[in-house]
N, C-alpha and C. Protein backbone atom coordinates (compact mmCIF):
# COMPACT_ATOMS: atom_id res chain seq x y z
N UNK A 1 -32.08 -9.08 5.75
CA UNK A 1 -32.36 -7.64 5.85
C UNK A 1 -31.68 -7.07 7.09
N UNK A 2 -31.05 -5.90 6.94
CA UNK A 2 -30.31 -5.30 8.05
C UNK A 2 -31.25 -4.56 8.97
N UNK A 3 -31.21 -4.89 10.24
CA UNK A 3 -32.04 -4.24 11.24
C UNK A 3 -31.29 -3.05 11.80
N UNK A 4 -31.58 -1.84 11.27
CA UNK A 4 -30.84 -0.64 11.64
C UNK A 4 -31.11 -0.18 13.05
N UNK A 5 -32.16 -0.73 13.72
CA UNK A 5 -32.47 -0.28 15.07
C UNK A 5 -31.63 -0.97 16.13
N UNK A 6 -30.89 -1.99 15.76
CA UNK A 6 -30.06 -2.71 16.72
C UNK A 6 -28.85 -1.83 17.07
N UNK A 7 -28.73 -1.38 18.33
CA UNK A 7 -27.63 -0.48 18.68
C UNK A 7 -26.26 -1.13 18.56
N UNK A 8 -26.17 -2.44 18.78
CA UNK A 8 -24.89 -3.13 18.66
C UNK A 8 -24.41 -3.11 17.22
N UNK A 9 -25.34 -3.36 16.29
CA UNK A 9 -24.98 -3.34 14.88
C UNK A 9 -24.56 -1.94 14.45
N UNK A 10 -25.30 -0.93 14.90
CA UNK A 10 -24.98 0.45 14.55
C UNK A 10 -23.61 0.84 15.09
N UNK A 11 -23.32 0.44 16.33
CA UNK A 11 -22.02 0.75 16.93
C UNK A 11 -20.89 0.06 16.17
N UNK A 12 -21.13 -1.19 15.78
CA UNK A 12 -20.13 -1.93 15.01
C UNK A 12 -19.85 -1.25 13.67
N UNK A 13 -20.91 -0.80 13.00
CA UNK A 13 -20.74 -0.12 11.72
C UNK A 13 -19.98 1.19 11.88
N UNK A 14 -20.28 1.95 12.94
CA UNK A 14 -19.59 3.22 13.17
C UNK A 14 -18.11 3.01 13.45
N UNK A 15 -17.80 1.99 14.27
CA UNK A 15 -16.39 1.69 14.56
C UNK A 15 -15.68 1.25 13.28
N UNK A 16 -16.36 0.45 12.48
CA UNK A 16 -15.77 0.00 11.22
C UNK A 16 -15.49 1.14 10.27
N UNK A 17 -16.42 2.10 10.18
CA UNK A 17 -16.21 3.26 9.32
C UNK A 17 -15.07 4.13 9.81
N UNK A 18 -14.93 4.25 11.13
CA UNK A 18 -13.85 5.07 11.69
C UNK A 18 -12.48 4.45 11.41
N UNK A 19 -12.42 3.12 11.42
CA UNK A 19 -11.14 2.43 11.19
C UNK A 19 -10.86 2.19 9.71
N UNK A 20 -11.82 2.51 8.85
CA UNK A 20 -11.68 2.20 7.42
C UNK A 20 -10.48 2.87 6.76
N UNK A 21 -10.21 4.19 6.98
CA UNK A 21 -9.04 4.80 6.33
C UNK A 21 -7.72 4.13 6.71
N UNK A 22 -7.56 3.83 8.00
CA UNK A 22 -6.33 3.15 8.44
C UNK A 22 -6.22 1.77 7.82
N UNK A 23 -7.34 1.03 7.81
CA UNK A 23 -7.32 -0.31 7.23
C UNK A 23 -7.03 -0.25 5.74
N UNK A 24 -7.57 0.77 5.06
CA UNK A 24 -7.34 0.91 3.62
C UNK A 24 -5.87 1.15 3.32
N UNK A 25 -5.19 1.92 4.16
CA UNK A 25 -3.77 2.18 3.94
C UNK A 25 -2.92 0.94 4.18
N UNK A 26 -3.28 0.16 5.19
CA UNK A 26 -2.44 -0.95 5.60
C UNK A 26 -2.71 -2.24 4.83
N UNK A 27 -3.86 -2.37 4.20
CA UNK A 27 -4.21 -3.63 3.54
C UNK A 27 -4.40 -3.48 2.04
N UNK A 28 -3.96 -2.37 1.47
CA UNK A 28 -4.06 -2.16 0.03
C UNK A 28 -2.69 -1.80 -0.53
N UNK A 29 -2.68 -1.50 -1.82
CA UNK A 29 -1.43 -1.14 -2.50
C UNK A 29 -1.00 0.29 -2.21
N UNK A 30 -1.77 1.04 -1.42
CA UNK A 30 -1.50 2.47 -1.21
C UNK A 30 -0.11 2.70 -0.63
N UNK A 31 0.28 1.90 0.36
CA UNK A 31 1.56 2.13 1.06
C UNK A 31 2.74 2.10 0.10
N UNK A 32 2.82 1.05 -0.72
CA UNK A 32 3.95 0.93 -1.64
C UNK A 32 3.94 2.05 -2.68
N UNK A 33 2.78 2.34 -3.21
CA UNK A 33 2.69 3.34 -4.28
C UNK A 33 3.10 4.71 -3.77
N UNK A 34 2.61 5.13 -2.61
CA UNK A 34 2.92 6.48 -2.12
C UNK A 34 4.39 6.58 -1.73
N UNK A 35 4.99 5.52 -1.21
CA UNK A 35 6.42 5.56 -0.87
C UNK A 35 7.26 5.71 -2.14
N UNK A 36 6.95 4.94 -3.17
CA UNK A 36 7.72 5.02 -4.42
C UNK A 36 7.58 6.40 -5.05
N UNK A 37 6.38 6.94 -5.08
CA UNK A 37 6.18 8.26 -5.68
C UNK A 37 6.90 9.34 -4.88
N UNK A 38 6.91 9.22 -3.57
CA UNK A 38 7.62 10.19 -2.73
C UNK A 38 9.13 10.10 -2.95
N UNK A 39 9.65 8.88 -3.09
CA UNK A 39 11.08 8.72 -3.35
C UNK A 39 11.46 9.28 -4.72
N UNK A 40 10.58 9.13 -5.70
CA UNK A 40 10.85 9.71 -7.02
C UNK A 40 10.91 11.23 -6.93
N UNK A 41 10.00 11.82 -6.18
CA UNK A 41 10.03 13.28 -6.02
C UNK A 41 11.32 13.72 -5.34
N UNK A 42 11.75 12.98 -4.33
CA UNK A 42 13.02 13.31 -3.66
C UNK A 42 14.20 13.15 -4.60
N UNK A 43 14.16 12.13 -5.46
CA UNK A 43 15.25 11.92 -6.41
C UNK A 43 15.35 13.06 -7.41
N UNK A 44 14.21 13.62 -7.78
CA UNK A 44 14.21 14.75 -8.70
C UNK A 44 14.78 16.00 -8.04
N UNK A 45 14.69 16.07 -6.72
CA UNK A 45 15.23 17.22 -6.00
C UNK A 45 14.28 18.39 -5.92
N UNK A 46 13.00 18.16 -6.19
CA UNK A 46 11.98 19.21 -6.08
C UNK A 46 10.94 18.75 -5.07
N UNK A 47 10.99 19.34 -3.90
CA UNK A 47 10.19 18.85 -2.78
C UNK A 47 8.71 19.19 -2.89
N UNK A 48 8.35 20.16 -3.70
CA UNK A 48 6.96 20.61 -3.75
C UNK A 48 6.27 20.28 -5.07
N UNK A 49 6.96 19.62 -5.98
CA UNK A 49 6.37 19.29 -7.27
C UNK A 49 6.65 17.82 -7.58
N UNK A 50 5.62 17.00 -7.77
CA UNK A 50 4.21 17.32 -7.61
C UNK A 50 3.86 17.55 -6.13
N UNK A 51 2.83 18.34 -5.85
CA UNK A 51 2.44 18.57 -4.45
C UNK A 51 2.05 17.27 -3.76
N UNK A 52 2.15 17.29 -2.44
CA UNK A 52 1.81 16.09 -1.68
C UNK A 52 0.39 15.63 -1.90
N UNK A 53 -0.53 16.58 -2.05
CA UNK A 53 -1.94 16.21 -2.25
C UNK A 53 -2.13 15.51 -3.58
N UNK A 54 -1.32 15.89 -4.58
CA UNK A 54 -1.40 15.23 -5.89
C UNK A 54 -0.86 13.80 -5.80
N UNK A 55 0.27 13.63 -5.11
CA UNK A 55 0.83 12.29 -4.95
C UNK A 55 -0.13 11.38 -4.19
N UNK A 56 -0.73 11.90 -3.12
CA UNK A 56 -1.70 11.10 -2.36
C UNK A 56 -2.92 10.76 -3.21
N UNK A 57 -3.40 11.74 -3.97
CA UNK A 57 -4.54 11.49 -4.84
C UNK A 57 -4.23 10.45 -5.90
N UNK A 58 -3.04 10.54 -6.49
CA UNK A 58 -2.63 9.57 -7.50
C UNK A 58 -2.51 8.18 -6.89
N UNK A 59 -1.93 8.11 -5.69
CA UNK A 59 -1.80 6.81 -5.01
C UNK A 59 -3.16 6.21 -4.69
N UNK A 60 -4.11 7.06 -4.30
CA UNK A 60 -5.46 6.58 -4.00
C UNK A 60 -6.14 6.05 -5.25
N UNK A 61 -6.03 6.81 -6.36
CA UNK A 61 -6.66 6.39 -7.61
C UNK A 61 -6.09 5.05 -8.09
N UNK A 62 -4.77 4.92 -8.07
CA UNK A 62 -4.15 3.67 -8.50
C UNK A 62 -4.50 2.52 -7.56
N UNK A 63 -4.61 2.82 -6.26
CA UNK A 63 -4.97 1.77 -5.30
C UNK A 63 -6.40 1.29 -5.53
N UNK A 64 -7.30 2.22 -5.84
CA UNK A 64 -8.68 1.83 -6.14
C UNK A 64 -8.71 0.92 -7.37
N UNK A 65 -7.90 1.29 -8.37
CA UNK A 65 -7.84 0.48 -9.60
C UNK A 65 -7.31 -0.93 -9.29
N UNK A 66 -6.24 -0.99 -8.51
CA UNK A 66 -5.62 -2.28 -8.19
C UNK A 66 -6.55 -3.14 -7.33
N UNK A 67 -7.21 -2.50 -6.36
CA UNK A 67 -8.00 -3.23 -5.38
C UNK A 67 -9.44 -3.47 -5.83
N UNK A 68 -9.83 -2.95 -6.98
CA UNK A 68 -11.23 -3.10 -7.41
C UNK A 68 -11.67 -4.56 -7.49
N UNK A 69 -10.90 -5.46 -8.11
CA UNK A 69 -11.34 -6.86 -8.14
C UNK A 69 -11.51 -7.46 -6.75
N UNK A 70 -10.61 -7.11 -5.83
CA UNK A 70 -10.70 -7.62 -4.46
C UNK A 70 -11.95 -7.07 -3.78
N UNK A 71 -12.18 -5.77 -3.93
CA UNK A 71 -13.35 -5.16 -3.32
C UNK A 71 -14.64 -5.71 -3.88
N UNK A 72 -14.67 -5.94 -5.20
CA UNK A 72 -15.87 -6.49 -5.83
C UNK A 72 -16.15 -7.90 -5.33
N UNK A 73 -15.11 -8.71 -5.23
CA UNK A 73 -15.28 -10.08 -4.73
C UNK A 73 -15.75 -10.08 -3.27
N UNK A 74 -15.19 -9.17 -2.46
CA UNK A 74 -15.61 -9.08 -1.06
C UNK A 74 -17.06 -8.63 -0.95
N UNK A 75 -17.44 -7.66 -1.78
CA UNK A 75 -18.83 -7.17 -1.77
C UNK A 75 -19.80 -8.28 -2.16
N UNK A 76 -19.47 -9.03 -3.20
CA UNK A 76 -20.36 -10.10 -3.65
C UNK A 76 -20.49 -11.19 -2.59
N UNK A 77 -19.37 -11.52 -1.93
CA UNK A 77 -19.42 -12.53 -0.88
C UNK A 77 -20.28 -12.07 0.29
N UNK A 78 -20.12 -10.80 0.68
CA UNK A 78 -20.93 -10.27 1.77
C UNK A 78 -22.39 -10.16 1.40
N UNK A 79 -22.67 -9.74 0.16
CA UNK A 79 -24.06 -9.60 -0.28
C UNK A 79 -24.77 -10.95 -0.32
N UNK A 80 -24.06 -11.97 -0.76
CA UNK A 80 -24.66 -13.31 -0.79
C UNK A 80 -24.97 -13.80 0.63
N UNK A 81 -24.08 -13.49 1.56
CA UNK A 81 -24.30 -13.91 2.95
C UNK A 81 -25.51 -13.20 3.54
N UNK A 82 -25.65 -11.90 3.25
CA UNK A 82 -26.80 -11.15 3.77
C UNK A 82 -28.09 -11.64 3.13
N UNK A 83 -28.05 -11.89 1.81
CA UNK A 83 -29.26 -12.35 1.11
C UNK A 83 -29.73 -13.70 1.61
N UNK A 84 -28.81 -14.49 2.14
CA UNK A 84 -29.17 -15.83 2.63
C UNK A 84 -29.87 -15.79 3.98
N UNK A 85 -29.84 -14.62 4.65
CA UNK A 85 -30.48 -14.51 5.96
C UNK A 85 -31.99 -14.35 5.78
N UNK A 86 -32.78 -15.19 6.42
CA UNK A 86 -34.24 -15.13 6.24
C UNK A 86 -34.90 -13.94 6.91
N UNK A 87 -34.31 -13.45 8.00
CA UNK A 87 -34.92 -12.36 8.75
C UNK A 87 -33.96 -11.21 8.93
N UNK A 88 -34.24 -10.35 9.91
CA UNK A 88 -33.34 -9.22 10.20
C UNK A 88 -31.94 -9.71 10.57
N UNK A 89 -30.94 -8.97 10.13
CA UNK A 89 -29.55 -9.35 10.39
C UNK A 89 -29.18 -9.03 11.83
N UNK A 90 -28.68 -10.02 12.53
CA UNK A 90 -28.24 -9.83 13.91
C UNK A 90 -26.74 -9.56 13.93
N UNK A 91 -26.23 -9.29 15.14
CA UNK A 91 -24.79 -9.05 15.28
C UNK A 91 -24.00 -10.30 14.88
N UNK A 92 -24.50 -11.47 15.22
CA UNK A 92 -23.83 -12.72 14.85
C UNK A 92 -23.80 -12.88 13.33
N UNK A 93 -24.90 -12.53 12.68
CA UNK A 93 -24.94 -12.60 11.22
C UNK A 93 -23.94 -11.62 10.60
N UNK A 94 -23.81 -10.46 11.22
CA UNK A 94 -22.87 -9.45 10.72
C UNK A 94 -21.43 -9.96 10.79
N UNK A 95 -21.12 -10.70 11.84
CA UNK A 95 -19.79 -11.29 11.95
C UNK A 95 -19.55 -12.33 10.85
N UNK A 96 -20.58 -13.11 10.54
CA UNK A 96 -20.46 -14.09 9.47
C UNK A 96 -20.26 -13.42 8.11
N UNK A 97 -20.96 -12.31 7.90
CA UNK A 97 -20.79 -11.54 6.66
C UNK A 97 -19.37 -11.03 6.56
N UNK A 98 -18.84 -10.52 7.69
CA UNK A 98 -17.48 -10.01 7.71
C UNK A 98 -16.47 -11.11 7.38
N UNK A 99 -16.68 -12.30 7.93
CA UNK A 99 -15.78 -13.41 7.65
C UNK A 99 -15.82 -13.79 6.18
N UNK A 100 -17.01 -13.80 5.59
CA UNK A 100 -17.13 -14.15 4.18
C UNK A 100 -16.47 -13.11 3.29
N UNK A 101 -16.62 -11.84 3.66
CA UNK A 101 -16.05 -10.76 2.85
C UNK A 101 -14.53 -10.68 2.99
N UNK A 102 -13.98 -11.24 4.06
CA UNK A 102 -12.54 -11.17 4.28
C UNK A 102 -11.75 -12.14 3.40
N UNK A 103 -12.39 -13.17 2.90
CA UNK A 103 -11.67 -14.20 2.14
C UNK A 103 -10.94 -13.64 0.92
N UNK A 104 -11.57 -12.80 0.07
CA UNK A 104 -10.82 -12.23 -1.06
C UNK A 104 -9.64 -11.37 -0.61
N UNK A 105 -9.82 -10.62 0.48
CA UNK A 105 -8.73 -9.79 0.99
C UNK A 105 -7.59 -10.66 1.52
N UNK A 106 -7.94 -11.74 2.20
CA UNK A 106 -6.92 -12.66 2.70
C UNK A 106 -6.10 -13.24 1.55
N UNK A 107 -6.78 -13.58 0.47
CA UNK A 107 -6.08 -14.12 -0.70
C UNK A 107 -5.11 -13.09 -1.27
N UNK A 108 -5.54 -11.84 -1.34
CA UNK A 108 -4.67 -10.76 -1.84
C UNK A 108 -3.47 -10.57 -0.93
N UNK A 109 -3.70 -10.52 0.37
CA UNK A 109 -2.60 -10.32 1.32
C UNK A 109 -1.62 -11.49 1.30
N UNK A 110 -2.14 -12.70 1.17
CA UNK A 110 -1.27 -13.87 1.11
C UNK A 110 -0.42 -13.87 -0.16
N UNK A 111 -1.04 -13.51 -1.28
CA UNK A 111 -0.34 -13.50 -2.56
C UNK A 111 0.81 -12.50 -2.58
N UNK A 112 0.63 -11.37 -1.90
CA UNK A 112 1.61 -10.29 -1.97
C UNK A 112 2.40 -10.11 -0.68
N UNK A 113 2.47 -11.15 0.12
CA UNK A 113 3.34 -11.15 1.30
C UNK A 113 4.31 -12.32 1.18
N UNK A 114 5.44 -12.20 1.85
CA UNK A 114 6.46 -13.24 1.77
C UNK A 114 6.19 -14.34 2.80
N UNK A 115 6.36 -15.61 2.40
CA UNK A 115 6.18 -16.71 3.37
C UNK A 115 7.07 -16.56 4.60
N UNK A 116 8.29 -16.05 4.40
CA UNK A 116 9.20 -15.88 5.53
C UNK A 116 8.66 -14.88 6.53
N UNK A 117 8.03 -13.82 6.04
CA UNK A 117 7.45 -12.81 6.94
C UNK A 117 6.26 -13.38 7.70
N UNK A 118 5.42 -14.14 7.01
CA UNK A 118 4.28 -14.75 7.69
C UNK A 118 4.76 -15.73 8.75
N UNK A 119 5.79 -16.49 8.42
CA UNK A 119 6.33 -17.45 9.40
C UNK A 119 6.92 -16.73 10.60
N UNK A 120 7.58 -15.59 10.36
CA UNK A 120 8.17 -14.84 11.47
C UNK A 120 7.10 -14.34 12.43
N UNK A 121 6.06 -13.69 11.89
CA UNK A 121 5.04 -13.13 12.76
C UNK A 121 4.25 -14.22 13.48
N UNK A 122 4.09 -15.37 12.82
CA UNK A 122 3.43 -16.48 13.50
C UNK A 122 4.29 -17.01 14.63
N UNK A 123 5.59 -17.13 14.39
CA UNK A 123 6.51 -17.60 15.43
C UNK A 123 6.64 -16.58 16.55
N UNK A 124 6.69 -15.29 16.19
CA UNK A 124 6.82 -14.24 17.20
C UNK A 124 5.61 -14.18 18.12
N UNK A 125 4.46 -14.63 17.63
CA UNK A 125 3.26 -14.60 18.47
C UNK A 125 3.41 -15.51 19.68
N UNK A 126 4.21 -16.56 19.57
CA UNK A 126 4.43 -17.45 20.71
C UNK A 126 5.20 -16.72 21.82
N UNK A 127 6.08 -15.81 21.46
CA UNK A 127 6.86 -15.08 22.44
C UNK A 127 6.11 -13.88 23.00
N UNK A 128 5.28 -13.25 22.18
CA UNK A 128 4.62 -12.02 22.59
C UNK A 128 3.25 -12.25 23.24
N UNK A 129 2.55 -13.28 22.80
CA UNK A 129 1.16 -13.46 23.23
C UNK A 129 0.95 -14.66 24.13
N UNK A 130 1.97 -15.48 24.27
CA UNK A 130 1.80 -16.67 25.09
C UNK A 130 1.34 -17.85 24.25
N UNK A 131 1.63 -19.04 24.72
CA UNK A 131 1.33 -20.25 23.96
C UNK A 131 -0.17 -20.45 23.76
N UNK A 132 -0.97 -20.10 24.76
CA UNK A 132 -2.41 -20.34 24.66
C UNK A 132 -3.02 -19.54 23.51
N UNK A 133 -2.65 -18.26 23.42
CA UNK A 133 -3.18 -17.41 22.34
C UNK A 133 -2.56 -17.77 21.01
N UNK A 134 -1.25 -18.00 20.98
CA UNK A 134 -0.56 -18.30 19.73
C UNK A 134 -1.05 -19.59 19.10
N UNK A 135 -1.49 -20.52 19.93
CA UNK A 135 -1.96 -21.81 19.41
C UNK A 135 -3.22 -21.65 18.57
N UNK A 136 -3.94 -20.56 18.76
CA UNK A 136 -5.18 -20.33 18.00
C UNK A 136 -4.93 -19.58 16.70
N UNK A 137 -3.69 -19.17 16.45
CA UNK A 137 -3.37 -18.39 15.25
C UNK A 137 -2.81 -19.28 14.15
N UNK A 138 -3.09 -18.88 12.91
CA UNK A 138 -2.58 -19.57 11.74
C UNK A 138 -2.05 -18.53 10.75
N UNK A 139 -1.32 -18.99 9.74
CA UNK A 139 -0.70 -18.06 8.79
C UNK A 139 -1.72 -17.25 8.00
N UNK A 140 -2.94 -17.75 7.86
CA UNK A 140 -3.94 -17.03 7.08
C UNK A 140 -4.84 -16.14 7.94
N UNK A 141 -4.49 -15.96 9.22
CA UNK A 141 -5.23 -15.03 10.07
C UNK A 141 -4.82 -13.60 9.75
N UNK A 142 -5.77 -12.68 9.85
CA UNK A 142 -5.49 -11.28 9.54
C UNK A 142 -4.41 -10.71 10.45
N UNK A 143 -4.36 -11.18 11.69
CA UNK A 143 -3.36 -10.70 12.64
C UNK A 143 -1.94 -11.04 12.17
N UNK A 144 -1.80 -12.07 11.38
CA UNK A 144 -0.50 -12.46 10.83
C UNK A 144 -0.30 -11.86 9.44
N UNK A 145 -1.34 -11.89 8.63
CA UNK A 145 -1.23 -11.45 7.24
C UNK A 145 -0.93 -9.97 7.10
N UNK A 146 -1.61 -9.13 7.91
CA UNK A 146 -1.47 -7.68 7.73
C UNK A 146 -0.04 -7.20 7.99
N UNK A 147 0.58 -7.51 9.15
CA UNK A 147 1.97 -7.05 9.33
C UNK A 147 2.94 -7.66 8.32
N UNK A 148 2.70 -8.91 7.90
CA UNK A 148 3.57 -9.53 6.90
C UNK A 148 3.43 -8.81 5.56
N UNK A 149 2.21 -8.44 5.20
CA UNK A 149 1.96 -7.72 3.95
C UNK A 149 2.59 -6.33 3.98
N UNK A 150 2.39 -5.61 5.08
CA UNK A 150 2.94 -4.26 5.19
C UNK A 150 4.47 -4.29 5.11
N UNK A 151 5.08 -5.25 5.80
CA UNK A 151 6.54 -5.39 5.75
C UNK A 151 7.02 -5.65 4.33
N UNK A 152 6.33 -6.53 3.62
CA UNK A 152 6.71 -6.85 2.24
C UNK A 152 6.53 -5.64 1.33
N UNK A 153 5.46 -4.88 1.54
CA UNK A 153 5.20 -3.71 0.70
C UNK A 153 6.26 -2.62 0.91
N UNK A 154 6.62 -2.37 2.16
CA UNK A 154 7.64 -1.34 2.43
C UNK A 154 8.99 -1.78 1.87
N UNK A 155 9.32 -3.05 2.03
CA UNK A 155 10.58 -3.56 1.48
C UNK A 155 10.62 -3.40 -0.03
N UNK A 156 9.54 -3.79 -0.70
CA UNK A 156 9.49 -3.67 -2.16
C UNK A 156 9.55 -2.21 -2.60
N UNK A 157 8.90 -1.33 -1.84
CA UNK A 157 8.90 0.09 -2.19
C UNK A 157 10.30 0.68 -2.14
N UNK A 158 11.07 0.32 -1.13
CA UNK A 158 12.43 0.85 -1.03
C UNK A 158 13.37 0.21 -2.06
N UNK A 159 13.11 -1.03 -2.44
CA UNK A 159 13.89 -1.64 -3.52
C UNK A 159 13.65 -0.90 -4.83
N UNK A 160 12.39 -0.59 -5.12
CA UNK A 160 12.07 0.17 -6.33
C UNK A 160 12.65 1.58 -6.23
N UNK A 161 12.53 2.18 -5.04
CA UNK A 161 13.07 3.53 -4.85
C UNK A 161 14.57 3.59 -5.09
N UNK A 162 15.29 2.55 -4.68
CA UNK A 162 16.74 2.50 -4.92
C UNK A 162 17.04 2.53 -6.41
N UNK A 163 16.30 1.73 -7.18
CA UNK A 163 16.51 1.69 -8.63
C UNK A 163 16.13 3.01 -9.29
N UNK A 164 15.09 3.66 -8.77
CA UNK A 164 14.66 4.95 -9.31
C UNK A 164 15.71 6.02 -9.03
N UNK A 165 16.33 5.95 -7.87
CA UNK A 165 17.29 6.97 -7.45
C UNK A 165 18.57 6.94 -8.28
N UNK A 166 19.00 5.75 -8.72
CA UNK A 166 20.32 5.59 -9.33
C UNK A 166 20.59 6.53 -10.51
N UNK A 167 19.73 6.58 -11.54
CA UNK A 167 20.05 7.47 -12.68
C UNK A 167 20.12 8.94 -12.29
N UNK A 168 19.28 9.36 -11.35
CA UNK A 168 19.31 10.76 -10.92
C UNK A 168 20.55 11.05 -10.08
N UNK A 169 21.01 10.05 -9.33
CA UNK A 169 22.24 10.20 -8.57
C UNK A 169 23.44 10.36 -9.50
N UNK A 170 23.43 9.62 -10.61
CA UNK A 170 24.50 9.75 -11.60
C UNK A 170 24.51 11.15 -12.20
N UNK A 171 23.32 11.68 -12.50
CA UNK A 171 23.24 13.05 -13.03
C UNK A 171 23.78 14.05 -12.03
N UNK A 172 23.40 13.91 -10.76
CA UNK A 172 23.91 14.82 -9.72
C UNK A 172 25.43 14.75 -9.64
N UNK A 173 25.98 13.55 -9.71
CA UNK A 173 27.43 13.38 -9.61
C UNK A 173 28.14 14.03 -10.81
N UNK A 174 27.61 13.81 -12.01
CA UNK A 174 28.24 14.38 -13.21
C UNK A 174 28.18 15.90 -13.18
N UNK A 175 27.04 16.45 -12.81
CA UNK A 175 26.89 17.91 -12.76
C UNK A 175 27.82 18.50 -11.71
N UNK A 176 27.86 17.90 -10.51
CA UNK A 176 28.72 18.42 -9.45
C UNK A 176 30.19 18.35 -9.85
N UNK A 177 30.60 17.25 -10.48
CA UNK A 177 32.00 17.11 -10.91
C UNK A 177 32.34 18.12 -12.00
N UNK A 178 31.41 18.35 -12.92
CA UNK A 178 31.66 19.30 -14.01
C UNK A 178 31.79 20.72 -13.48
N UNK A 179 30.90 21.10 -12.57
CA UNK A 179 30.96 22.44 -12.00
C UNK A 179 32.26 22.65 -11.22
N UNK A 180 32.68 21.63 -10.50
CA UNK A 180 33.92 21.74 -9.73
C UNK A 180 35.12 21.85 -10.67
N UNK A 181 35.10 21.09 -11.76
CA UNK A 181 36.22 21.14 -12.72
C UNK A 181 36.30 22.50 -13.41
N UNK A 182 35.15 23.14 -13.60
CA UNK A 182 35.12 24.45 -14.24
C UNK A 182 35.32 25.59 -13.25
N UNK A 183 35.46 25.25 -11.98
CA UNK A 183 35.64 26.28 -10.97
C UNK A 183 34.40 27.10 -10.70
N UNK A 184 33.25 26.48 -10.89
CA UNK A 184 31.97 27.20 -10.71
C UNK A 184 31.26 26.67 -9.46
N UNK A 185 31.99 26.67 -8.34
CA UNK A 185 31.43 26.13 -7.11
C UNK A 185 30.28 26.96 -6.56
N UNK A 186 30.17 28.20 -6.99
CA UNK A 186 29.11 29.06 -6.47
C UNK A 186 27.73 28.67 -7.01
N UNK A 187 27.70 27.97 -8.14
CA UNK A 187 26.43 27.53 -8.69
C UNK A 187 25.93 26.29 -7.95
N UNK A 188 24.64 26.22 -7.75
CA UNK A 188 24.05 25.07 -7.05
C UNK A 188 23.94 23.88 -8.00
N UNK A 189 24.59 22.77 -7.68
CA UNK A 189 24.48 21.58 -8.55
C UNK A 189 23.03 21.11 -8.69
N UNK A 190 22.25 21.26 -7.63
CA UNK A 190 20.85 20.81 -7.69
C UNK A 190 20.07 21.59 -8.74
N UNK A 191 20.30 22.90 -8.79
CA UNK A 191 19.59 23.74 -9.76
C UNK A 191 19.98 23.40 -11.18
N UNK A 192 21.28 23.17 -11.41
CA UNK A 192 21.76 22.84 -12.75
C UNK A 192 21.31 21.45 -13.17
N UNK A 193 21.27 20.52 -12.23
CA UNK A 193 20.92 19.13 -12.56
C UNK A 193 19.44 18.94 -12.84
N UNK A 194 18.60 19.81 -12.29
CA UNK A 194 17.15 19.63 -12.41
C UNK A 194 16.67 19.54 -13.86
N UNK A 195 17.08 20.46 -14.75
CA UNK A 195 16.60 20.33 -16.14
C UNK A 195 16.99 19.01 -16.80
N UNK A 196 18.19 18.51 -16.49
CA UNK A 196 18.63 17.24 -17.07
C UNK A 196 17.80 16.07 -16.52
N UNK A 197 17.44 16.15 -15.24
CA UNK A 197 16.59 15.11 -14.65
C UNK A 197 15.21 15.11 -15.30
N UNK A 198 14.66 16.32 -15.48
CA UNK A 198 13.35 16.42 -16.12
C UNK A 198 13.40 15.93 -17.56
N UNK A 199 14.49 16.27 -18.26
CA UNK A 199 14.66 15.80 -19.64
C UNK A 199 14.72 14.28 -19.69
N UNK A 200 15.45 13.68 -18.74
CA UNK A 200 15.58 12.23 -18.71
C UNK A 200 14.23 11.56 -18.49
N UNK A 201 13.47 12.05 -17.53
CA UNK A 201 12.20 11.40 -17.21
C UNK A 201 11.17 11.61 -18.31
N UNK A 202 11.27 12.75 -19.04
CA UNK A 202 10.36 12.98 -20.16
C UNK A 202 10.74 12.12 -21.36
N UNK A 203 12.03 12.05 -21.67
CA UNK A 203 12.49 11.25 -22.82
C UNK A 203 12.18 9.77 -22.65
N UNK A 204 12.31 9.28 -21.43
CA UNK A 204 12.07 7.85 -21.16
C UNK A 204 10.61 7.55 -20.81
N UNK A 205 9.76 8.60 -20.83
CA UNK A 205 8.36 8.43 -20.43
C UNK A 205 8.30 7.81 -19.03
N UNK A 206 9.11 8.38 -18.14
CA UNK A 206 9.34 7.78 -16.84
C UNK A 206 8.11 7.63 -15.97
N UNK A 207 7.27 8.65 -15.94
CA UNK A 207 6.09 8.58 -15.08
C UNK A 207 5.18 7.42 -15.50
N UNK A 208 4.90 7.32 -16.80
CA UNK A 208 4.02 6.25 -17.27
C UNK A 208 4.63 4.88 -17.00
N UNK A 209 5.93 4.74 -17.29
CA UNK A 209 6.58 3.45 -17.07
C UNK A 209 6.54 3.05 -15.59
N UNK A 210 6.78 4.00 -14.71
CA UNK A 210 6.79 3.70 -13.28
C UNK A 210 5.40 3.32 -12.80
N UNK A 211 4.40 4.10 -13.20
CA UNK A 211 3.03 3.81 -12.76
C UNK A 211 2.54 2.48 -13.32
N UNK A 212 2.89 2.20 -14.59
CA UNK A 212 2.51 0.90 -15.17
C UNK A 212 3.16 -0.24 -14.39
N UNK A 213 4.43 -0.08 -14.05
CA UNK A 213 5.13 -1.14 -13.32
C UNK A 213 4.53 -1.36 -11.93
N UNK A 214 4.15 -0.27 -11.27
CA UNK A 214 3.55 -0.40 -9.94
C UNK A 214 2.22 -1.14 -10.02
N UNK A 215 1.40 -0.80 -11.00
CA UNK A 215 0.10 -1.47 -11.14
C UNK A 215 0.28 -2.95 -11.48
N UNK A 216 1.17 -3.23 -12.43
CA UNK A 216 1.35 -4.62 -12.88
C UNK A 216 2.07 -5.48 -11.84
N UNK A 217 2.67 -4.86 -10.83
CA UNK A 217 3.31 -5.66 -9.78
C UNK A 217 2.29 -6.40 -8.93
N UNK A 218 1.00 -6.09 -9.11
CA UNK A 218 -0.06 -6.76 -8.34
C UNK A 218 -0.86 -7.74 -9.18
N UNK A 219 -0.37 -8.08 -10.37
CA UNK A 219 -1.12 -9.01 -11.22
C UNK A 219 -1.03 -10.44 -10.68
């Protein structure tokens, strides 16, 4: 049972809640999804459609869907740890609950980070933190997993963004070349190319295909 009168526990919970949005961005699929969606919007050449709030909302919804199994496993692990406590939960017990709940997240971060990145951050800790501190770190520590995961996610997002950009870049090139050949330099290639880009993404069911691919990349 949680003893809500313990000021240390209450302070820990408040700090955890304050850091939750940042942790959610850095340890979930949100980063990759929002980068890819933003790059798609830039490729279309329309900076305000979809609006930023819509892209963020869509990224949050998809991230909740992707992370639901991880969150459920973490919740069950933490709940079992709390239920096993015979009396009021102390600060030490809260740390044990946190450790138990971190295991599913660690598995997710390990699965979706590159071994080379984990090895780099582990090796870099010897240079940045000193041998004494680095000797206590391992590849499955959150201090190593989180930066390795974020690096892998950003790399994957830009790889996907490059592939997304290519067909729209071809359309821009064809439209610009056609307008120049016709002597219609006064017309904006971006304006003329936009309907063709929209037609392409509608004909290929581009939004659904992209969102499906992003979700399935975490299977």
